[in-house]
C-alpha atoms as a PDB file:
ATOM      1  CA  UNK A   1       0.000   0.000   0.000  1.00  0.00           C
ATOM      2  CA  UNK A   2       1.251   3.497  -0.810  1.00  0.00           C
ATOM      3  CA  UNK A   3      -0.479   6.255   1.090  1.00  0.00           C
ATOM      4  CA  UNK A   4       0.927   9.315   2.747  1.00  0.00           C
ATOM      5  CA  UNK A   5      -0.106  12.676   4.157  1.00  0.00           C
ATOM      6  CA  UNK A   6       1.168  15.517   2.024  1.00  0.00           C
ATOM      7  CA  UNK A   7       3.226  18.313   3.536  1.00  0.00           C
ATOM      8  CA  UNK A   8       1.210  20.477   5.925  1.00  0.00           C
ATOM      9  CA  UNK A   9       1.966  24.104   5.090  1.00  0.00           C
ATOM     10  CA  UNK A  10      -0.408  25.533   7.679  1.00  0.00           C
ATOM     11  CA  UNK A  11      -2.851  26.902   5.087  1.00  0.00           C
ATOM     12  CA  UNK A  12      -6.415  25.905   5.890  1.00  0.00           C
ATOM     13  CA  UNK A  13      -8.631  27.998   3.667  1.00  0.00           C
ATOM     14  CA  UNK A  14     -11.201  25.269   3.106  1.00  0.00           C
ATOM     15  CA  UNK A  15     -10.679  22.946   6.094  1.00  0.00           C
ATOM     16  CA  UNK A  16     -11.419  20.014   3.784  1.00  0.00           C
ATOM     17  CA  UNK A  17      -9.747  16.614   3.925  1.00  0.00           C
ATOM     18  CA  UNK A  18      -9.240  14.895   0.567  1.00  0.00           C
ATOM     19  CA  UNK A  19      -8.440  11.283  -0.265  1.00  0.00           C
ATOM     20  CA  UNK A  20      -6.840  11.193  -3.712  1.00  0.00           C
ATOM     21  CA  UNK A  21      -6.827   7.831  -5.526  1.00  0.00           C
ATOM     22  CA  UNK A  22      -4.765   7.665  -8.710  1.00  0.00           C
ATOM     23  CA  UNK A  23      -2.464   4.939 -10.020  1.00  0.00           C
ATOM     24  CA  UNK A  24      -0.381   7.400 -12.056  1.00  0.00           C
ATOM     25  CA  UNK A  25       2.542   8.682  -9.957  1.00  0.00           C
ATOM     26  CA  UNK A  26       2.998  12.007 -11.753  1.00  0.00           C
ATOM     27  CA  UNK A  27      -0.689  12.878 -11.814  1.00  0.00           C
ATOM     28  CA  UNK A  28      -1.107  11.861  -8.172  1.00  0.00           C
ATOM     29  CA  UNK A  29       1.843  13.828  -6.852  1.00  0.00           C
ATOM     30  CA  UNK A  30       1.162  16.982  -8.849  1.00  0.00           C
ATOM     31  CA  UNK A  31      -2.526  16.959  -7.892  1.00  0.00           C
ATOM     32  CA  UNK A  32      -1.739  16.328  -4.221  1.00  0.00           C
ATOM     33  CA  UNK A  33       0.827  19.124  -4.172  1.00  0.00           C
ATOM     34  CA  UNK A  34      -1.519  21.639  -5.791  1.00  0.00           C
ATOM     35  CA  UNK A  35      -4.385  20.703  -3.464  1.00  0.00           C
ATOM     36  CA  UNK A  36      -2.161  20.929  -0.382  1.00  0.00           C
ATOM     37  CA  UNK A  37      -0.841  24.325  -1.431  1.00  0.00           C
ATOM     38  CA  UNK A  38      -4.458  25.486  -1.793  1.00  0.00           C
ATOM     39  CA  UNK A  39      -5.366  24.591   1.778  1.00  0.00           C
ATOM     40  CA  UNK A  40      -6.629  21.011   1.557  1.00  0.00           C
ATOM     41  CA  UNK A  41      -5.377  18.191   3.784  1.00  0.00           C
ATOM     42  CA  UNK A  42      -4.504  15.363   1.411  1.00  0.00           C
ATOM     43  CA  UNK A  43      -3.857  11.653   1.718  1.00  0.00           C
ATOM     44  CA  UNK A  44      -3.053   9.591  -1.375  1.00  0.00           C
ATOM     45  CA  UNK A  45      -3.539   6.009  -2.492  1.00  0.00           C
ATOM     46  CA  UNK A  46      -2.244   4.446  -5.688  1.00  0.00           C
ATOM     47  CA  UNK A  47      -5.025   1.878  -6.134  1.00  0.00           C
ATOM     48  CA  UNK A  48      -8.532   1.136  -4.945  1.00  0.00           C
ATOM     49  CA  UNK A  49      -7.678  -1.518  -2.380  1.00  0.00           C
ATOM     50  CA  UNK A  50      -5.123   0.807  -0.748  1.00  0.00           C
ATOM     51  CA  UNK A  51      -7.763   3.531  -0.461  1.00  0.00           C
ATOM     52  CA  UNK A  52     -10.155   1.125   1.251  1.00  0.00           C
ATOM     53  CA  UNK A  53      -7.413   0.235   3.748  1.00  0.00           C
ATOM     54  CA  UNK A  54      -6.995   3.924   4.568  1.00  0.00           C
ATOM     55  CA  UNK A  55     -10.720   4.271   5.204  1.00  0.00           C
ATOM     56  CA  UNK A  56     -10.900   1.044   7.211  1.00  0.00           C
ATOM     57  CA  UNK A  57      -8.168   2.345   9.522  1.00  0.00           C
ATOM     58  CA  UNK A  58     -10.499   5.120  10.660  1.00  0.00           C
ATOM     59  CA  UNK A  59      -7.738   7.653  11.357  1.00  0.00           C
ATOM     60  CA  UNK A  60      -8.462   9.672   8.212  1.00  0.00           C
ATOM     61  CA  UNK A  61     -12.040  10.656   7.386  1.00  0.00           C
ATOM     62  CA  UNK A  62     -12.124  12.482   4.054  1.00  0.00           C
ATOM     63  CA  UNK A  63     -14.703  15.116   3.203  1.00  0.00           C
ATOM     64  CA  UNK A  64     -13.973  14.524  -0.480  1.00  0.00           C
ATOM     65  CA  UNK A  65     -12.690  11.493  -2.371  1.00  0.00           C
ATOM     66  CA  UNK A  66     -11.102  12.168  -5.757  1.00  0.00           C
ATOM     67  CA  UNK A  67     -10.809   8.938  -7.702  1.00  0.00           C
ATOM     68  CA  UNK A  68      -9.305   8.363 -11.131  1.00  0.00           C
ATOM     69  CA  UNK A  69     -11.890   6.812 -13.420  1.00  0.00           C
ATOM     70  CA  UNK A  70      -9.486   4.346 -15.073  1.00  0.00           C
ATOM     71  CA  UNK A  71      -7.199   2.239 -12.890  1.00  0.00           C
ATOM     72  CA  UNK A  72      -6.048  -1.385 -12.830  1.00  0.00           C
ATOM     73  CA  UNK A  73      -7.775  -3.674 -10.348  1.00  0.00           C
ATOM     74  CA  UNK A  74     -10.774  -2.473  -8.363  1.00  0.00           C
ATOM     75  CA  UNK A  75     -12.005   0.696 -10.085  1.00  0.00           C
ATOM     76  CA  UNK A  76     -14.960   2.418 -11.695  1.00  0.00           C
ATOM     77  CA  UNK A  77     -18.468   1.968 -10.349  1.00  0.00           C
ATOM     78  CA  UNK A  78     -17.453  -1.067  -8.256  1.00  0.00           C
ATOM     79  CA  UNK A  79     -14.810   0.957  -6.399  1.00  0.00           C
ATOM     80  CA  UNK A  80     -17.206   3.859  -5.894  1.00  0.00           C
ATOM     81  CA  UNK A  81     -19.733   1.485  -4.310  1.00  0.00           C
ATOM     82  CA  UNK A  82     -17.053   0.221  -1.887  1.00  0.00           C
ATOM     83  CA  UNK A  83     -15.975   3.765  -1.067  1.00  0.00           C
ATOM     84  CA  UNK A  84     -19.580   4.722  -0.243  1.00  0.00           C
ATOM     85  CA  UNK A  85     -19.817   1.781   2.140  1.00  0.00           C
ATOM     86  CA  UNK A  86     -16.772   3.021   4.016  1.00  0.00           C
ATOM     87  CA  UNK A  87     -17.035   6.819   3.898  1.00  0.00           C
ATOM     88  CA  UNK A  88     -19.502   9.692   3.970  1.00  0.00           C
ATOM     89  CA  UNK A  89     -17.238  11.854   1.810  1.00  0.00           C
ATOM     90  CA  UNK A  90     -18.366  13.191  -1.549  1.00  0.00           C
ATOM     91  CA  UNK A  91     -16.962  11.103  -4.387  1.00  0.00           C
ATOM     92  CA  UNK A  92     -15.718  12.900  -7.491  1.00  0.00           C
ATOM     93  CA  UNK A  93     -14.236  11.052 -10.446  1.00  0.00           C
ATOM     94  CA  UNK A  94     -11.372  12.629 -12.352  1.00  0.00           C
ATOM     95  CA  UNK A  95     -10.150  11.589 -15.776  1.00  0.00           C
ATOM     96  CA  UNK A  96      -8.352  12.844 -18.850  1.00  0.00           C
ATOM     97  CA  UNK A  97     -11.339  11.802 -20.971  1.00  0.00           C
ATOM     98  CA  UNK A  98     -15.023  11.132 -20.435  1.00  0.00           C
ATOM     99  CA  UNK A  99     -15.502   7.980 -18.320  1.00  0.00           C
ATOM    100  CA  UNK A 100     -18.285   5.413 -18.888  1.00  0.00           C
ATOM    101  CA  UNK A 101     -21.795   6.613 -18.043  1.00  0.00           C
ATOM    102  CA  UNK A 102     -22.143   4.171 -15.146  1.00  0.00           C
ATOM    103  CA  UNK A 103     -19.074   5.684 -13.476  1.00  0.00           C
ATOM    104  CA  UNK A 104     -20.289   9.286 -13.643  1.00  0.00           C
ATOM    105  CA  UNK A 105     -23.758   8.150 -12.554  1.00  0.00           C
ATOM    106  CA  UNK A 106     -22.315   6.447  -9.473  1.00  0.00           C
ATOM    107  CA  UNK A 107     -20.235   9.469  -8.417  1.00  0.00           C
ATOM    108  CA  UNK A 108     -21.242  12.868  -7.021  1.00  0.00           C
ATOM    109  CA  UNK A 109     -19.394  14.765  -9.724  1.00  0.00           C
ATOM    110  CA  UNK A 110     -16.808  14.596 -12.472  1.00  0.00           C
ATOM    111  CA  UNK A 111     -13.782  16.730 -13.327  1.00  0.00           C
ATOM    112  CA  UNK A 112     -11.518  16.529 -16.333  1.00  0.00           C
ATOM    113  CA  UNK A 113      -7.754  16.440 -15.932  1.00  0.00           C
ATOM    114  CA  UNK A 114      -5.782  18.592 -15.575  1.00  0.00           C
ATOM    115  CA  UNK A 115      -7.618  19.247 -12.329  1.00  0.00           C
ATOM    116  CA  UNK A 116      -8.476  22.887 -11.686  1.00  0.00           C
ATOM    117  CA  UNK A 117      -8.768  23.734  -7.981  1.00  0.00           C
ATOM    118  CA  UNK A 118     -11.325  26.462  -8.594  1.00  0.00           C
ATOM    119  CA  UNK A 119     -13.458  24.006 -10.581  1.00  0.00           C
ATOM    120  CA  UNK A 120     -13.252  21.614  -7.628  1.00  0.00           C
ATOM    121  CA  UNK A 121     -14.378  24.345  -5.241  1.00  0.00           C
ATOM    122  CA  UNK A 122     -17.308  25.186  -7.510  1.00  0.00           C
ATOM    123  CA  UNK A 123     -18.278  21.545  -7.774  1.00  0.00           C
ATOM    124  CA  UNK A 124     -18.272  21.186  -4.002  1.00  0.00           C
ATOM    125  CA  UNK A 125     -20.504  24.270  -3.835  1.00  0.00           C
ATOM    126  CA  UNK A 126     -22.860  22.706  -6.371  1.00  0.00           C
ATOM    127  CA  UNK A 127     -22.218  25.321  -9.052  1.00  0.00           C
ATOM    128  CA  UNK A 128     -19.562  23.791 -11.319  1.00  0.00           C
ATOM    129  CA  UNK A 129     -19.497  23.912 -15.090  1.00  0.00           C
ATOM    130  CA  UNK A 130     -17.358  21.277 -16.752  1.00  0.00           C
ATOM    131  CA  UNK A 131     -13.998  22.601 -17.939  1.00  0.00           C
ATOM    132  CA  UNK A 132     -12.909  21.755 -21.455  1.00  0.00           C
ATOM    133  CA  UNK A 133      -9.671  19.980 -22.256  1.00  0.00           C
ATOM    134  CA  UNK A 134      -6.907  22.515 -22.802  1.00  0.00           C
ATOM    135  CA  UNK A 135      -7.038  24.077 -26.258  1.00  0.00           C
ATOM    136  CA  UNK A 136      -3.234  24.132 -26.240  1.00  0.00           C
ATOM    137  CA  UNK A 137      -3.098  20.345 -26.732  1.00  0.00           C
ATOM    138  CA  UNK A 138      -2.484  20.854 -30.450  1.00  0.00           C
ATOM    139  CA  UNK A 139       0.461  20.322 -32.801  1.00  0.00           C
ATOM    140  CA  UNK A 140       1.989  23.654 -31.795  1.00  0.00           C
ATOM    141  CA  UNK A 141       1.777  22.996 -28.050  1.00  0.00           C
ATOM    142  CA  UNK A 142       4.791  24.297 -26.098  1.00  0.00           C
ATOM    143  CA  UNK A 143       7.049  21.900 -24.229  1.00  0.00           C
ATOM    144  CA  UNK A 144       5.794  23.287 -20.906  1.00  0.00           C
ATOM    145  CA  UNK A 145       2.771  25.504 -20.388  1.00  0.00           C
ATOM    146  CA  UNK A 146       4.122  28.913 -19.277  1.00  0.00           C
ATOM    147  CA  UNK A 147       0.992  29.433 -17.172  1.00  0.00           C
ATOM    148  CA  UNK A 148       1.369  26.115 -15.328  1.00  0.00           C
ATOM    149  CA  UNK A 149       5.075  26.685 -14.761  1.00  0.00           C
ATOM    150  CA  UNK A 150       4.363  30.135 -13.343  1.00  0.00           C
ATOM    151  CA  UNK A 151       1.660  28.753 -11.040  1.00  0.00           C
ATOM    152  CA  UNK A 152       3.950  26.009  -9.737  1.00  0.00           C
ATOM    153  CA  UNK A 153       6.672  28.575  -9.070  1.00  0.00           C
ATOM    154  CA  UNK A 154       4.228  30.547  -6.950  1.00  0.00           C
ATOM    155  CA  UNK A 155       3.151  27.448  -5.047  1.00  0.00           C
ATOM    156  CA  UNK A 156       6.560  25.946  -4.262  1.00  0.00           C
ATOM    157  CA  UNK A 157      10.308  26.592  -4.333  1.00  0.00           C
ATOM    158  CA  UNK A 158      12.320  26.085  -7.525  1.00  0.00           C
ATOM    159  CA  UNK A 159      13.699  22.813  -6.178  1.00  0.00           C
ATOM    160  CA  UNK A 160      10.194  21.408  -5.811  1.00  0.00           C
ATOM    161  CA  UNK A 161       9.216  22.448  -9.331  1.00  0.00           C
ATOM    162  CA  UNK A 162      12.345  20.829 -10.721  1.00  0.00           C
ATOM    163  CA  UNK A 163      11.591  17.599  -8.855  1.00  0.00           C
ATOM    164  CA  UNK A 164       8.152  17.434 -10.448  1.00  0.00           C
ATOM    165  CA  UNK A 165       9.523  17.741 -13.979  1.00  0.00           C
ATOM    166  CA  UNK A 166      12.407  15.378 -13.238  1.00  0.00           C
ATOM    167  CA  UNK A 167       9.815  12.820 -12.175  1.00  0.00           C
ATOM    168  CA  UNK A 168       7.959  13.320 -15.458  1.00  0.00           C
ATOM    169  CA  UNK A 169      11.123  12.808 -17.528  1.00  0.00           C
ATOM    170  CA  UNK A 170      11.913   9.611 -15.623  1.00  0.00           C
ATOM    171  CA  UNK A 171       8.335   8.407 -15.878  1.00  0.00           C
ATOM    172  CA  UNK A 172       8.251   9.014 -19.633  1.00  0.00           C
ATOM    173  CA  UNK A 173      11.362   6.874 -20.132  1.00  0.00           C
ATOM    174  CA  UNK A 174       9.655   4.015 -18.294  1.00  0.00           C
ATOM    175  CA  UNK A 175       6.361   4.500 -20.144  1.00  0.00           C
ATOM    176  CA  UNK A 176       8.039   4.515 -23.556  1.00  0.00           C
ATOM    177  CA  UNK A 177       9.808   1.236 -22.821  1.00  0.00           C
ATOM    178  CA  UNK A 178       6.566  -0.312 -21.567  1.00  0.00           C
ATOM    179  CA  UNK A 179       4.650   0.977 -24.592  1.00  0.00           C
ATOM    180  CA  UNK A 180       7.156  -0.598 -26.971  1.00  0.00           C
ATOM    181  CA  UNK A 181       6.671  -3.978 -25.308  1.00  0.00           C
ATOM    182  CA  UNK A 182       2.887  -3.675 -25.276  1.00  0.00           C
ATOM    183  CA  UNK A 183       2.773  -2.688 -28.968  1.00  0.00           C
ATOM    184  CA  UNK A 184       5.114  -5.551 -29.926  1.00  0.00           C
ATOM    185  CA  UNK A 185       2.823  -8.124 -28.346  1.00  0.00           C
ATOM    186  CA  UNK A 186      -0.333  -6.450 -29.699  1.00  0.00           C
ATOM    187  CA  UNK A 187      -1.729  -5.565 -26.271  1.00  0.00           C
ATOM    188  CA  UNK A 188      -4.046  -2.770 -27.385  1.00  0.00           C
ATOM    189  CA  UNK A 189      -5.672  -2.299 -23.985  1.00  0.00           C
ATOM    190  CA  UNK A 190      -2.282  -1.706 -22.363  1.00  0.00           C
ATOM    191  CA  UNK A 191      -1.252   0.727 -25.116  1.00  0.00           C
ATOM    192  CA  UNK A 192      -4.471   2.661 -24.581  1.00  0.00           C
ATOM    193  CA  UNK A 193      -4.052   2.666 -20.789  1.00  0.00           C
ATOM    194  CA  UNK A 194      -0.479   3.929 -20.988  1.00  0.00           C
ATOM    195  CA  UNK A 195      -1.408   6.656 -23.460  1.00  0.00           C
ATOM    196  CA  UNK A 196      -4.209   7.759 -21.152  1.00  0.00           C
ATOM    197  CA  UNK A 197      -1.823   7.863 -18.183  1.00  0.00           C
ATOM    198  CA  UNK A 198       0.743   9.927 -20.096  1.00  0.00           C
ATOM    199  CA  UNK A 199      -1.936  12.340 -21.246  1.00  0.00           C
ATOM    200  CA  UNK A 200      -3.382  12.872 -17.778  1.00  0.00           C
ATOM    201  CA  UNK A 201      -0.155  13.050 -15.787  1.00  0.00           C
ATOM    202  CA  UNK A 202       1.695  15.317 -18.211  1.00  0.00           C
ATOM    203  CA  UNK A 203      -1.303  17.623 -18.665  1.00  0.00           C
ATOM    204  CA  UNK A 204      -1.510  18.057 -14.874  1.00  0.00           C
ATOM    205  CA  UNK A 205       2.067  19.384 -14.856  1.00  0.00           C
ATOM    206  CA  UNK A 206       1.683  21.404 -18.055  1.00  0.00           C
ATOM    207  CA  UNK A 207       4.017  19.163 -20.098  1.00  0.00           C
ATOM    208  CA  UNK A 208       1.850  19.789 -23.131  1.00  0.00           C
ATOM    209  CA  UNK A 209       3.838  18.177 -25.943  1.00  0.00           C
ATOM    210  CA  UNK A 210       4.031  14.898 -24.055  1.00  0.00           C
ATOM    211  CA  UNK A 211       0.355  15.175 -23.025  1.00  0.00           C
ATOM    212  CA  UNK A 212      -0.695  15.636 -26.659  1.00  0.00           C
ATOM    213  CA  UNK A 213       1.277  12.566 -27.742  1.00  0.00           C
ATOM    214  CA  UNK A 214      -0.221  10.561 -24.894  1.00  0.00           C
ATOM    215  CA  UNK A 215      -3.672  11.457 -26.235  1.00  0.00           C
ATOM    216  CA  UNK A 216      -2.679  10.336 -29.732  1.00  0.00           C
ATOM    217  CA  UNK A 217      -1.295   7.056 -28.400  1.00  0.00           C
ATOM    218  CA  UNK A 218      -4.515   6.506 -26.450  1.00  0.00           C
ATOM    219  CA  UNK A 219      -6.425   6.945 -29.708  1.00  0.00           C
ATOM    220  CA  UNK A 220      -4.267   4.735 -31.908  1.00  0.00           C
ATOM    221  CA  UNK A 221      -5.146   1.712 -29.808  1.00  0.00           C
ATOM    222  CA  UNK A 222      -8.782   2.087 -30.845  1.00  0.00           C
ATOM    223  CA  UNK A 223      -8.139   1.494 -34.545  1.00  0.00           C
ATOM    224  CA  UNK A 224      -8.332  -2.283 -34.403  1.00  0.00           C
ATOM    225  CA  UNK A 225      -5.727  -4.980 -34.837  1.00  0.00           C
ATOM    226  CA  UNK A 226      -3.183  -5.354 -37.611  1.00  0.00           C
ATOM    227  CA  UNK A 227      -0.979  -2.268 -37.781  1.00  0.00           C
ATOM    228  CA  UNK A 228      -0.696  -0.860 -34.282  1.00  0.00           C
ATOM    229  CA  UNK A 229       3.086  -1.276 -34.176  1.00  0.00           C
ATOM    230  CA  UNK A 230       3.474   0.596 -37.451  1.00  0.00           C
ATOM    231  CA  UNK A 231       1.134   3.333 -36.246  1.00  0.00           C
ATOM    232  CA  UNK A 232       2.644   3.737 -32.822  1.00  0.00           C
ATOM    233  CA  UNK A 233       6.339   3.742 -33.804  1.00  0.00           C
ATOM    234  CA  UNK A 234       6.382   7.357 -35.082  1.00  0.00           C
ATOM    235  CA  UNK A 235       4.392   8.467 -32.027  1.00  0.00           C
ATOM    236  CA  UNK A 236       6.921   6.834 -29.720  1.00  0.00           C
ATOM    237  CA  UNK A 237       9.735   8.563 -31.590  1.00  0.00           C
ATOM    238  CA  UNK A 238       7.917  11.869 -31.158  1.00  0.00           C
ATOM    239  CA  UNK A 239       7.387  11.091 -27.473  1.00  0.00           C
ATOM    240  CA  UNK A 240      11.128  10.481 -27.045  1.00  0.00           C
ATOM    241  CA  UNK A 241      11.770  13.846 -28.670  1.00  0.00           C
ATOM    242  CA  UNK A 242       9.219  15.507 -26.377  1.00  0.00           C
ATOM    243  CA  UNK A 243      10.887  13.941 -23.325  1.00  0.00           C
ATOM    244  CA  UNK A 244      14.304  15.143 -24.510  1.00  0.00           C
ATOM    245  CA  UNK A 245      12.919  18.646 -25.122  1.00  0.00           C
ATOM    246  CA  UNK A 246      11.389  18.638 -21.640  1.00  0.00           C
ATOM    247  CA  UNK A 247      14.737  17.676 -20.103  1.00  0.00           C
ATOM    248  CA  UNK A 248      16.541  20.381 -22.077  1.00  0.00           C
ATOM    249  CA  UNK A 249      14.041  23.028 -20.974  1.00  0.00           C
ATOM    250  CA  UNK A 250      14.282  21.755 -17.413  1.00  0.00           C
ATOM    251  CA  UNK A 251      18.067  22.148 -17.442  1.00  0.00           C
ATOM    252  CA  UNK A 252      17.741  25.641 -18.909  1.00  0.00           C
ATOM    253  CA  UNK A 253      14.830  26.942 -16.818  1.00  0.00           C
ATOM    254  CA  UNK A 254      15.493  25.118 -13.539  1.00  0.00           C
ATOM    255  CA  UNK A 255      19.169  24.155 -13.335  1.00  0.00           C
ATOM    256  CA  UNK A 256      20.187  21.907 -10.467  1.00  0.00           C
END
């Protein structure tokens, strides 16, 4: 089980406790950091069973449960039902794309990644409008969103910002290797899952080129069998280039 309380900075604007459930390391850590910096008390879990263990322990009683809509193992509507049996907190699904109807129907709300804290506040107040996916996820997307980078610099020291992007670069290297293996064996579900994870995690941190390619990889797995390896090879090459560009910008913008 991997759960931990995020750093308490003494800011308690909302006095809300949040349990964040997300199997993607980058997305989970960036979201937890942003929520903590905005006054929420946050615990994290990297899969459904771990979250249920947190709730069963009784020491942490969340007001809000943010749960990724697509995770391995116990997830979706089945996980939401278990969470309801063990908590009175509001359950909000988060995803980089629209989840199945039964998932949104089972939850108390839905937010698209990258998670916007103000949208979360509005949703908790019962007045949220759904945010659109970032328009900047196009072919001319910058390596890093200047707006996101500026926001992170306000929220944390330069060292912390660098650590976030270092984690993304390392995670991309692992994801690319795993994608190559999944494509070689024709595992379309795994290709789609990995593309979705790249899209969501990188978008949360404003790594827009990598997020865009993750979205394209998520889509290529839907085209049916036969030529996935041929289709995904150029995308993986582009993803390597995006990861290298991210590292170069990291070294230039946030030197160690």
